[in-house]
């Protein structure tokens, strides 16, 4: 019997059983165990606390993966339990202050005696042989970030989103990972398996992550979620990012950076096969956009355009921040992709959220299963079908007309320049009658629609000029290029946000 017990392999079913057990008893909110010197810590001081490289977990093993821990502090006020799985056996990795360099911070050593880990990071020699680079970070609520070769951290993913931007004044609920199990990899393994137990007032969940580092790092996710309370809007595979400004919104003030964002658009591959591209905005007021998508084939927040001149930022390297593309496995059923855009005055706030939300939620006690793969990539064209062209950029500017004396005159309209590119466009024979199928919502008048070749990119430029009727309401525009009955490109789906009321 002892031998049979030892042979049991830890699996997602074990975590799922724990998640189901949690919903059968009242939710217990985590309680802070931080002493004042840690709870009142400023961000700069928290950053001084770093894991000692010589104390990384598995440092003396031949596996290429290493684990470093995050210390508690600031709003990371409650510890998470972190376990290691070796040959099916589970052992807790106990907190040890010797694993950290506290950067000269002064505090009573006894103050850390009963503290713990706030999360962990995964290291792997992804850029140079023998040099450990951080490739995944799990810290705070159910957030995690991942990078591939040559990438730097940008947008984040989450385990689950609950009631994001549901109603004014109603707070969003942030489930948290309360316990992790990490399989110790063998020396030859080039993947890492992580399990997580999620808990919140209205949901619990079990997750299995398989991390595969590479040029594009890939994360396979299996999730089993149980509901323990009424949820108005559930976000599956949520992504969180930042968009301050870009060519479609204009540089703010006298800033040397032409664009400042972790992502510049939402891409969707619908169950019917249509490709959509929604450029992001930093709106003057909260904006929520929904796209009905049954059985999505993919969606993601992308950072299109990695040329350095687009950003000109040597410190933060926005040109190296990856896109995250969610590829569902199996049919997810009827639902919608939702985009939430929140106004922000600076780049320190994540103000963009995207997720898929099901139309029907399961009853309490029945697991909701969603399996998917997240690609973290700098090669966005590879995500698309070879038969589909894409939007290279969207430029928004004041509309103008050319007068008889050739001087351009602003006429109060808004102009949008949309560049489409891709092999399918570059290979078109000269003279092929390409057209733009354009639609504009009833809050604007389309006064110019010009499509012309753009030889600089071997693609096409669409120029639209619209006059907004009611500035307090949004304007929706859509456009795609076609030849005869053949659609050549993804659908550009753009929103001109409403203007903020005067005096606000």
Protein backbone atom coordinates (compact mmCIF):
# COMPACT_ATOMS: atom_id res chain seq x y z
CA UNK A 1 0.00 0.00 0.00
CA UNK A 2 2.84 2.39 0.79
CA UNK A 3 4.40 1.67 -2.57
CA UNK A 4 1.10 2.33 -4.34
CA UNK A 5 0.69 5.67 -2.53
CA UNK A 6 4.19 6.74 -3.44
CA UNK A 7 3.53 5.88 -7.08
CA UNK A 8 0.61 8.30 -7.33
CA UNK A 9 1.54 11.08 -9.74
CA UNK A 10 0.42 14.55 -8.76
CA UNK A 11 -1.92 15.92 -11.44
CA UNK A 12 -4.45 18.59 -12.31
CA UNK A 13 -7.14 16.36 -10.79
CA UNK A 14 -5.50 16.78 -7.37
CA UNK A 15 -5.69 20.57 -7.62
CA UNK A 16 -9.21 20.40 -9.05
CA UNK A 17 -10.34 18.41 -6.02
CA UNK A 18 -8.93 21.13 -3.76
CA UNK A 19 -10.68 23.85 -5.77
CA UNK A 20 -13.99 22.00 -5.52
CA UNK A 21 -13.54 21.53 -1.78
CA UNK A 22 -13.01 25.28 -1.37
CA UNK A 23 -16.43 26.17 -2.80
CA UNK A 24 -18.12 23.89 -0.27
CA UNK A 25 -17.11 26.15 2.60
CA UNK A 26 -17.31 29.92 3.14
CA UNK A 27 -14.61 32.05 1.57
CA UNK A 28 -11.83 33.05 3.93
CA UNK A 29 -10.12 36.30 2.95
CA UNK A 30 -6.33 36.29 3.27
CA UNK A 31 -5.01 38.16 6.29
CA UNK A 32 -1.82 40.21 6.15
CA UNK A 33 1.06 38.99 8.30
CA UNK A 34 3.36 41.90 7.44
CA UNK A 35 5.06 43.97 10.15
CA UNK A 36 4.91 47.76 9.60
CA UNK A 37 8.40 48.02 8.10
CA UNK A 38 7.23 45.79 5.25
CA UNK A 39 3.58 46.81 4.89
CA UNK A 40 4.50 50.52 4.62
CA UNK A 41 7.40 49.87 2.27
CA UNK A 42 7.67 52.09 -0.82
CA UNK A 43 8.08 50.56 -4.28
CA UNK A 44 11.71 51.66 -4.57
CA UNK A 45 12.61 49.89 -1.33
CA UNK A 46 10.66 46.78 -2.32
CA UNK A 47 12.67 46.58 -5.54
CA UNK A 48 15.86 46.47 -3.48
CA UNK A 49 14.87 43.03 -2.18
CA UNK A 50 16.27 40.57 -4.72
CA UNK A 51 16.78 36.81 -4.68
CA UNK A 52 20.38 35.68 -4.26
CA UNK A 53 21.41 33.95 -7.45
CA UNK A 54 23.53 31.42 -5.56
CA UNK A 55 20.39 30.53 -3.59
CA UNK A 56 18.10 29.91 -6.55
CA UNK A 57 16.07 26.73 -6.23
CA UNK A 58 17.77 23.91 -8.23
CA UNK A 59 20.96 25.98 -8.45
CA UNK A 60 23.07 22.87 -7.84
CA UNK A 61 21.08 20.65 -10.18
CA UNK A 62 21.75 20.13 -13.88
CA UNK A 63 18.32 21.26 -14.96
CA UNK A 64 18.44 24.44 -17.11
CA UNK A 65 15.49 25.87 -15.13
CA UNK A 66 16.00 27.74 -11.87
CA UNK A 67 13.47 29.30 -9.50
CA UNK A 68 13.85 32.62 -7.67
CA UNK A 69 11.33 33.89 -5.15
CA UNK A 70 9.61 37.22 -4.51
CA UNK A 71 9.58 38.46 -0.94
CA UNK A 72 6.48 39.76 0.76
CA UNK A 73 6.13 43.52 1.02
CA UNK A 74 3.87 46.49 0.14
CA UNK A 75 0.50 45.21 -1.09
CA UNK A 76 1.90 41.69 -1.46
CA UNK A 77 0.75 41.23 2.09
CA UNK A 78 -0.09 37.53 2.36
CA UNK A 79 2.21 34.61 1.60
CA UNK A 80 1.56 32.01 -1.07
CA UNK A 81 2.47 28.38 -0.50
CA UNK A 82 5.02 27.04 -2.99
CA UNK A 83 5.62 23.31 -3.29
CA UNK A 84 8.02 21.16 -5.26
CA UNK A 85 6.99 17.86 -6.86
CA UNK A 86 9.73 15.23 -7.10
CA UNK A 87 8.83 11.75 -8.36
CA UNK A 88 5.18 12.35 -7.49
CA UNK A 89 5.96 13.41 -3.93
CA UNK A 90 5.09 16.91 -2.75
CA UNK A 91 7.16 18.96 -0.32
CA UNK A 92 6.69 22.60 0.66
CA UNK A 93 9.57 24.93 -0.11
CA UNK A 94 9.88 26.67 3.24
CA UNK A 95 10.52 30.39 3.48
CA UNK A 96 14.17 31.23 4.11
CA UNK A 97 15.34 34.89 4.44
CA UNK A 98 18.84 33.73 3.49
CA UNK A 99 17.57 33.37 -0.08
CA UNK A 100 17.30 37.17 -0.37
CA UNK A 101 19.58 40.18 -0.62
CA UNK A 102 17.70 42.94 1.20
CA UNK A 103 19.71 45.70 -0.48
CA UNK A 104 20.83 47.38 2.73
CA UNK A 105 17.32 47.79 4.15
CA UNK A 106 17.30 48.20 7.91
CA UNK A 107 14.83 46.12 9.92
CA UNK A 108 14.68 43.77 12.87
CA UNK A 109 15.64 40.31 11.60
CA UNK A 110 12.91 38.85 13.80
CA UNK A 111 10.39 40.76 11.69
CA UNK A 112 10.86 38.30 8.83
CA UNK A 113 10.66 35.17 10.96
CA UNK A 114 7.04 34.38 10.12
CA UNK A 115 6.91 35.82 6.61
CA UNK A 116 6.82 33.95 3.31
CA UNK A 117 7.03 34.17 -0.44
CA UNK A 118 4.79 36.49 -2.47
CA UNK A 119 5.43 34.61 -5.71
CA UNK A 120 8.25 33.33 -7.88
CA UNK A 121 10.11 33.75 -11.15
CA UNK A 122 11.40 31.15 -13.59
CA UNK A 123 14.88 31.47 -15.06
CA UNK A 124 16.28 29.76 -18.14
CA UNK A 125 19.24 30.42 -20.54
CA UNK A 126 17.03 31.67 -23.35
CA UNK A 127 19.41 34.24 -24.89
CA UNK A 128 22.89 32.87 -24.17
CA UNK A 129 24.07 29.44 -23.12
CA UNK A 130 24.85 29.31 -19.42
CA UNK A 131 23.30 32.71 -18.62
CA UNK A 132 20.08 32.54 -16.61
CA UNK A 133 17.41 34.93 -17.88
CA UNK A 134 14.05 35.51 -16.24
CA UNK A 135 11.36 34.16 -18.59
CA UNK A 136 8.26 33.98 -16.39
CA UNK A 137 7.02 35.90 -13.36
CA UNK A 138 4.06 34.98 -11.13
CA UNK A 139 3.36 37.76 -8.63
CA UNK A 140 0.14 39.27 -7.33
CA UNK A 141 -3.46 38.00 -7.61
CA UNK A 142 -3.50 35.56 -10.57
CA UNK A 143 -1.16 37.59 -12.79
CA UNK A 144 1.76 36.19 -14.75
CA UNK A 145 4.13 37.51 -17.41
CA UNK A 146 6.23 35.58 -19.92
CA UNK A 147 8.95 36.44 -22.46
CA UNK A 148 10.72 34.65 -25.30
CA UNK A 149 14.18 35.11 -26.76
CA UNK A 150 15.21 38.76 -27.07
CA UNK A 151 12.00 40.02 -25.42
CA UNK A 152 11.41 42.18 -22.34
CA UNK A 153 8.40 42.12 -20.06
CA UNK A 154 5.35 43.98 -21.29
CA UNK A 155 1.73 42.90 -21.01
CA UNK A 156 0.44 40.39 -18.44
CA UNK A 157 -1.96 37.45 -18.44
CA UNK A 158 -4.25 36.37 -15.62
CA UNK A 159 -5.94 33.22 -14.47
CA UNK A 160 -9.42 34.77 -14.39
CA UNK A 161 -11.20 38.14 -14.47
CA UNK A 162 -14.44 38.77 -12.59
CA UNK A 163 -16.81 41.67 -13.29
CA UNK A 164 -14.22 43.81 -15.06
CA UNK A 165 -15.91 47.14 -15.90
CA UNK A 166 -19.29 45.59 -15.16
CA UNK A 167 -21.01 48.69 -13.77
CA UNK A 168 -19.92 52.10 -12.56
CA UNK A 169 -19.11 51.94 -8.90
CA UNK A 170 -18.95 48.12 -8.78
CA UNK A 171 -15.49 46.90 -7.87
CA UNK A 172 -13.76 44.25 -9.93
CA UNK A 173 -12.88 41.05 -8.12
CA UNK A 174 -9.31 39.79 -8.40
CA UNK A 175 -8.91 36.05 -7.73
CA UNK A 176 -5.52 35.06 -6.36
CA UNK A 177 -3.27 32.06 -6.68
CA UNK A 178 -2.90 30.86 -3.09
CA UNK A 179 -0.76 27.79 -3.67
CA UNK A 180 1.63 26.50 -6.36
CA UNK A 181 3.18 23.13 -7.15
CA UNK A 182 6.24 23.05 -9.43
CA UNK A 183 7.51 19.82 -10.97
CA UNK A 184 11.26 19.50 -10.66
CA UNK A 185 12.42 19.10 -14.29
CA UNK A 186 14.91 16.49 -15.36
CA UNK A 187 18.23 17.65 -16.86
CA UNK A 188 17.04 16.91 -20.39
CA UNK A 189 13.65 18.65 -19.97
CA UNK A 190 13.05 21.82 -21.95
CA UNK A 191 9.65 22.47 -20.43
CA UNK A 192 8.43 23.26 -16.92
CA UNK A 193 5.12 22.15 -15.37
CA UNK A 194 3.41 24.38 -12.77
CA UNK A 195 0.09 23.85 -10.99
CA UNK A 196 -1.86 26.61 -9.24
CA UNK A 197 -4.84 26.75 -6.89
CA UNK A 198 -6.97 29.88 -7.28
CA UNK A 199 -9.41 31.31 -4.75
CA UNK A 200 -11.71 34.32 -4.52
CA UNK A 201 -15.05 35.25 -2.93
CA UNK A 202 -17.03 34.04 -5.96
CA UNK A 203 -14.82 31.49 -7.74
CA UNK A 204 -12.15 28.88 -7.23
CA UNK A 205 -9.97 27.23 -9.82
CA UNK A 206 -7.27 24.72 -10.68
CA UNK A 207 -4.65 25.46 -13.33
CA UNK A 208 -1.90 23.51 -15.04
CA UNK A 209 0.76 25.48 -16.92
CA UNK A 210 3.38 23.98 -19.23
CA UNK A 211 6.09 26.53 -20.05
CA UNK A 212 8.15 25.96 -23.22
CA UNK A 213 10.89 28.59 -23.71
CA UNK A 214 12.03 29.50 -27.19
CA UNK A 215 12.18 32.14 -29.89
CA UNK A 216 8.50 32.41 -29.06
CA UNK A 217 7.84 31.14 -25.58
CA UNK A 218 4.65 29.11 -25.42
CA UNK A 219 2.51 28.52 -22.34
CA UNK A 220 -0.09 25.76 -22.40
CA UNK A 221 -2.90 26.37 -19.91
CA UNK A 222 -5.53 23.97 -18.59
CA UNK A 223 -8.12 25.54 -16.29
CA UNK A 224 -10.96 24.14 -14.20
CA UNK A 225 -13.04 26.88 -12.58
CA UNK A 226 -15.88 26.53 -10.06
CA UNK A 227 -18.33 29.30 -9.23
CA UNK A 228 -19.34 29.90 -5.62
CA UNK A 229 -21.35 33.10 -6.10
CA UNK A 230 -23.20 35.21 -8.66
CA UNK A 231 -20.90 36.53 -11.37
CA UNK A 232 -22.17 39.06 -13.89
CA UNK A 233 -19.24 38.86 -16.29
CA UNK A 234 -16.53 36.20 -16.30
CA UNK A 235 -13.31 36.82 -18.20
CA UNK A 236 -11.56 33.72 -19.55
CA UNK A 237 -7.87 33.91 -20.56
CA UNK A 238 -7.66 37.62 -19.67
CA UNK A 239 -4.81 39.79 -20.91
CA UNK A 240 -3.85 43.13 -19.35
CA UNK A 241 -1.76 45.79 -21.05
CA UNK A 242 -0.99 49.51 -21.35
CA UNK A 243 -1.71 51.97 -24.15
CA UNK A 244 -0.92 55.65 -23.57
CA UNK A 245 -0.67 56.95 -27.13
CA UNK A 246 0.38 56.09 -30.67
CA UNK A 247 -0.04 57.37 -34.25
CA UNK A 248 -3.79 56.78 -34.07
CA UNK A 249 -4.06 59.12 -31.08
CA UNK A 250 -1.13 61.52 -31.35
CA UNK A 251 1.91 62.33 -29.21
CA UNK A 252 1.09 63.99 -25.90
CA UNK A 253 2.98 67.21 -25.25
CA UNK A 254 6.58 67.63 -26.31
CA UNK A 255 7.55 63.96 -25.95
CA UNK A 256 10.48 62.44 -27.86
CA UNK A 257 8.70 59.07 -28.04
CA UNK A 258 6.39 58.76 -31.08
CA UNK A 259 4.45 55.96 -29.35
CA UNK A 260 4.17 54.64 -25.83
CA UNK A 261 2.39 51.33 -25.30
CA UNK A 262 2.83 47.65 -24.44
CA UNK A 263 0.20 46.71 -27.04
CA UNK A 264 -1.40 48.68 -29.86
CA UNK A 265 -4.28 46.49 -30.94
CA UNK A 266 -6.70 43.66 -30.25
CA UNK A 267 -6.65 40.87 -32.84
CA UNK A 268 -9.43 38.29 -33.11
CA UNK A 269 -9.80 35.17 -35.27
CA UNK A 270 -13.48 34.33 -35.11
CA UNK A 271 -15.06 30.90 -35.22
CA UNK A 272 -16.38 31.72 -38.71
CA UNK A 273 -12.85 32.43 -39.94
CA UNK A 274 -12.91 36.25 -40.03
CA UNK A 275 -9.84 38.14 -38.84
CA UNK A 276 -10.41 41.41 -36.93
CA UNK A 277 -7.99 44.16 -35.91
CA UNK A 278 -9.06 46.76 -33.36
CA UNK A 279 -6.47 49.55 -32.75
CA UNK A 280 -6.34 50.53 -29.09
CA UNK A 281 -7.27 53.90 -27.61
CA UNK A 282 -6.55 55.74 -24.39
CA UNK A 283 -10.10 57.09 -24.18
CA UNK A 284 -11.28 60.17 -22.28
CA UNK A 285 -13.74 57.94 -20.38
CA UNK A 286 -14.18 54.22 -19.75
CA UNK A 287 -14.90 52.31 -22.96
CA UNK A 288 -16.15 48.72 -23.29
CA UNK A 289 -16.35 47.06 -26.73
CA UNK A 290 -17.75 43.59 -27.35
CA UNK A 291 -17.30 41.27 -30.32
CA UNK A 292 -19.65 38.29 -30.53
CA UNK A 293 -17.35 35.32 -31.13
CA UNK A 294 -18.61 31.76 -30.86
CA UNK A 295 -15.85 29.14 -30.64
CA UNK A 296 -13.00 31.62 -31.07
CA UNK A 297 -9.96 30.37 -32.94
CA UNK A 298 -7.72 32.97 -31.35
CA UNK A 299 -7.48 36.44 -29.85
CA UNK A 300 -4.76 38.57 -28.34
CA UNK A 301 -3.30 41.94 -27.50
CA UNK A 302 -0.55 42.56 -30.02
CA UNK A 303 2.38 44.94 -30.28
CA UNK A 304 2.54 45.36 -34.05
CA UNK A 305 5.66 47.09 -35.31
CA UNK A 306 8.94 46.44 -33.48
CA UNK A 307 11.17 48.89 -35.33
CA UNK A 308 13.04 50.98 -32.76
CA UNK A 309 12.15 54.25 -34.50
CA UNK A 310 8.50 53.71 -33.60
CA UNK A 311 9.33 54.21 -29.91
CA UNK A 312 12.84 55.75 -29.59
CA UNK A 313 13.08 54.60 -25.97
CA UNK A 314 16.39 53.08 -24.91
CA UNK A 315 15.38 52.80 -21.25
CA UNK A 316 12.12 50.86 -21.52
CA UNK A 317 12.52 49.20 -24.94
CA UNK A 318 8.88 49.10 -25.97
CA UNK A 319 10.12 47.74 -29.31
CA UNK A 320 11.05 44.47 -27.57
CA UNK A 321 7.78 43.93 -25.70
CA UNK A 322 5.94 40.85 -26.94
CA UNK A 323 2.45 40.22 -28.15
CA UNK A 324 0.31 37.59 -26.40
CA UNK A 325 -1.92 35.44 -28.60
CA UNK A 326 -4.46 33.09 -27.01
CA UNK A 327 -5.23 29.97 -29.05
CA UNK A 328 -8.21 28.03 -27.62
CA UNK A 329 -8.15 24.25 -27.67
CA UNK A 330 -11.50 22.71 -28.55
CA UNK A 331 -14.82 24.50 -28.79
CA UNK A 332 -15.54 27.15 -26.18
CA UNK A 333 -19.15 27.65 -27.22
CA UNK A 334 -21.18 30.84 -27.48
CA UNK A 335 -19.61 34.00 -26.12
CA UNK A 336 -17.84 37.21 -26.93
CA UNK A 337 -14.42 38.83 -26.81
CA UNK A 338 -14.53 41.98 -24.73
CA UNK A 339 -12.13 44.91 -24.80
CA UNK A 340 -11.95 47.32 -21.87
CA UNK A 341 -10.12 50.63 -22.35
CA UNK A 342 -9.56 52.82 -19.29
CA UNK A 343 -8.29 56.41 -19.40
CA UNK A 344 -4.79 56.85 -17.97
CA UNK A 345 -2.55 59.94 -17.65
CA UNK A 346 0.75 58.04 -17.76
CA UNK A 347 2.41 54.74 -18.62
CA UNK A 348 2.51 53.39 -15.05
CA UNK A 349 -1.09 52.16 -15.19
CA UNK A 350 -2.31 49.09 -17.04
CA UNK A 351 -5.44 50.44 -18.73
CA UNK A 352 -6.28 47.76 -21.31
CA UNK A 353 -8.02 44.43 -20.62
CA UNK A 354 -9.17 41.81 -23.13
CA UNK A 355 -10.79 38.42 -22.50
CA UNK A 356 -13.38 35.97 -23.76
CA UNK A 357 -16.61 35.75 -21.77
CA UNK A 358 -19.11 32.87 -22.13
CA UNK A 359 -22.78 33.64 -22.72
CA UNK A 360 -23.86 30.93 -20.25
CA UNK A 361 -22.14 30.09 -16.96
CA UNK A 362 -22.27 26.61 -15.38
CA UNK A 363 -24.15 25.96 -12.13
CA UNK A 364 -22.29 25.96 -8.84
CA UNK A 365 -20.23 22.81 -8.37
CA UNK A 366 -19.84 22.06 -12.09
CA UNK A 367 -16.36 22.83 -13.41
CA UNK A 368 -15.92 25.19 -16.30
CA UNK A 369 -13.13 23.84 -18.53
CA UNK A 370 -11.04 26.03 -20.79
CA UNK A 371 -7.75 24.87 -22.27
CA UNK A 372 -5.62 27.14 -24.41
CA UNK A 373 -2.13 28.07 -25.53
CA UNK A 374 -0.59 31.53 -25.20
CA UNK A 375 2.13 32.52 -27.68
CA UNK A 376 4.48 35.29 -26.51
CA UNK A 377 5.96 36.57 -29.74
CA UNK A 378 7.57 39.40 -31.69
CA UNK A 379 6.55 37.76 -34.98
CA UNK A 380 2.92 38.86 -35.27
CA UNK A 381 2.53 38.09 -39.02
CA UNK A 382 3.19 34.41 -38.27
CA UNK A 383 -0.03 34.31 -36.24
CA UNK A 384 -2.10 35.10 -39.32
CA UNK A 385 -3.07 32.91 -42.22
CA UNK A 386 -0.76 33.34 -45.21
CA UNK A 387 -3.81 34.30 -47.24
CA UNK A 388 -4.62 37.35 -45.11
CA UNK A 389 -3.12 40.83 -45.26
CA UNK A 390 -2.93 42.90 -42.10
CA UNK A 391 -3.02 46.48 -40.86
CA UNK A 392 0.50 47.83 -40.53
CA UNK A 393 -0.52 51.10 -38.93
CA UNK A 394 -3.41 53.47 -38.31
CA UNK A 395 -2.74 57.21 -38.37
CA UNK A 396 -5.31 59.65 -37.07
CA UNK A 397 -5.04 63.34 -37.99
CA UNK A 398 -7.10 66.44 -38.61
CA UNK A 399 -8.88 66.26 -41.95
CA UNK A 400 -7.88 68.68 -44.68
CA UNK A 401 -8.67 69.56 -48.28
CA UNK A 402 -6.30 70.76 -51.00
CA UNK A 403 -7.34 74.16 -52.31
CA UNK A 404 -6.92 75.51 -55.84
CA UNK A 405 -3.67 77.21 -54.79
CA UNK A 406 -2.44 73.77 -53.57
CA UNK A 407 -2.37 74.93 -49.97
CA UNK A 408 -4.03 72.43 -47.63
CA UNK A 409 -6.84 73.71 -45.46
CA UNK A 410 -8.30 72.06 -42.33
CA UNK A 411 -12.02 71.53 -42.75
CA UNK A 412 -13.08 70.29 -39.29
CA UNK A 413 -13.19 66.62 -40.29
CA UNK A 414 -11.17 63.72 -38.91
CA UNK A 415 -8.88 61.77 -41.23
CA UNK A 416 -7.71 58.19 -40.78
CA UNK A 417 -4.90 56.66 -42.83
CA UNK A 418 -4.81 52.87 -42.73
CA UNK A 419 -1.88 50.97 -44.26
CA UNK A 420 -2.45 47.33 -45.24
CA UNK A 421 0.44 45.00 -46.05
CA UNK A 422 1.34 41.32 -46.38
CA UNK A 423 2.45 38.78 -49.00
CA UNK A 424 -1.10 38.38 -50.35
CA UNK A 425 -1.06 42.09 -51.31
CA UNK A 426 2.56 42.21 -52.47
CA UNK A 427 1.94 39.37 -54.94
CA UNK A 428 -1.07 40.95 -56.63
CA UNK A 429 -0.46 41.57 -60.35
CA UNK A 430 -0.38 45.23 -61.40
CA UNK A 431 -3.79 46.65 -62.27
CA UNK A 432 -5.82 44.23 -60.15
CA UNK A 433 -9.01 46.06 -59.12
CA UNK A 434 -8.63 46.12 -55.34
CA UNK A 435 -11.44 47.87 -53.46
CA UNK A 436 -12.06 48.91 -49.87
CA UNK A 437 -15.33 47.80 -48.30
CA UNK A 438 -16.01 50.52 -45.74
CA UNK A 439 -18.81 51.06 -43.24
CA UNK A 440 -19.33 53.94 -40.81
CA UNK A 441 -21.83 54.12 -37.96
CA UNK A 442 -24.67 56.63 -38.12
CA UNK A 443 -22.89 59.17 -35.90
CA UNK A 444 -20.56 60.25 -38.70
CA UNK A 445 -20.68 61.21 -42.37
CA UNK A 446 -18.08 59.65 -44.65
CA UNK A 447 -16.86 62.48 -46.89
CA UNK A 448 -13.77 60.86 -48.42
CA UNK A 449 -12.80 57.27 -49.20
CA UNK A 450 -9.60 56.88 -51.21
CA UNK A 451 -7.63 53.66 -51.73
CA UNK A 452 -4.23 53.81 -53.40
CA UNK A 453 -1.16 51.57 -53.69
CA UNK A 454 1.56 52.18 -51.11
CA UNK A 455 4.78 51.12 -52.87
CA UNK A 456 6.86 51.84 -49.76
CA UNK A 457 5.40 48.75 -48.09
CA UNK A 458 4.21 46.83 -51.18
CA UNK A 459 0.72 47.28 -49.86
CA UNK A 460 -2.17 49.74 -49.93
CA UNK A 461 -3.18 52.91 -48.11
CA UNK A 462 -6.80 53.67 -47.32
CA UNK A 463 -7.61 57.29 -46.51
CA UNK A 464 -10.94 58.05 -44.85
CA UNK A 465 -12.33 61.43 -43.86
CA UNK A 466 -15.36 61.65 -41.60
CA UNK A 467 -17.39 64.40 -39.99
CA UNK A 468 -18.61 63.46 -36.52
CA UNK A 469 -22.21 64.47 -35.85
CA UNK A 470 -22.35 64.21 -32.05
CA UNK A 471 -18.89 64.43 -30.37
CA UNK A 472 -20.29 63.01 -27.13
CA UNK A 473 -20.95 59.67 -28.86
CA UNK A 474 -18.48 57.16 -30.27
CA UNK A 475 -18.08 56.48 -33.99
CA UNK A 476 -17.44 52.95 -35.26
CA UNK A 477 -15.67 52.34 -38.57
CA UNK A 478 -14.85 49.11 -40.39
CA UNK A 479 -12.86 48.43 -43.52
CA UNK A 480 -11.34 45.50 -45.39
CA UNK A 481 -9.70 45.17 -48.80
CA UNK A 482 -11.17 42.80 -51.36
CA UNK A 483 -10.84 41.75 -54.98
CA UNK A 484 -14.07 40.50 -56.49
CA UNK A 485 -15.52 37.98 -54.02
CA UNK A 486 -12.16 37.40 -52.37
CA UNK A 487 -11.40 39.14 -49.07
CA UNK A 488 -7.71 40.03 -49.02
CA UNK A 489 -7.21 41.40 -45.52
CA UNK A 490 -8.35 41.31 -41.95
CA UNK A 491 -11.16 43.69 -41.01
CA UNK A 492 -9.99 46.97 -39.53
CA UNK A 493 -12.47 47.81 -36.77
CA UNK A 494 -11.81 51.26 -35.33
CA UNK A 495 -13.52 53.41 -32.76
CA UNK A 496 -13.34 57.19 -32.53
CA UNK A 497 -14.00 57.59 -28.79
CA UNK A 498 -16.49 60.18 -27.58
CA UNK A 499 -15.02 63.42 -26.34
CA UNK A 500 -15.09 64.07 -22.63
CA UNK A 501 -17.75 66.59 -21.55
CA UNK A 502 -16.38 70.12 -21.37
CA UNK A 503 -15.14 70.98 -17.92
CA UNK A 504 -14.52 67.34 -16.95
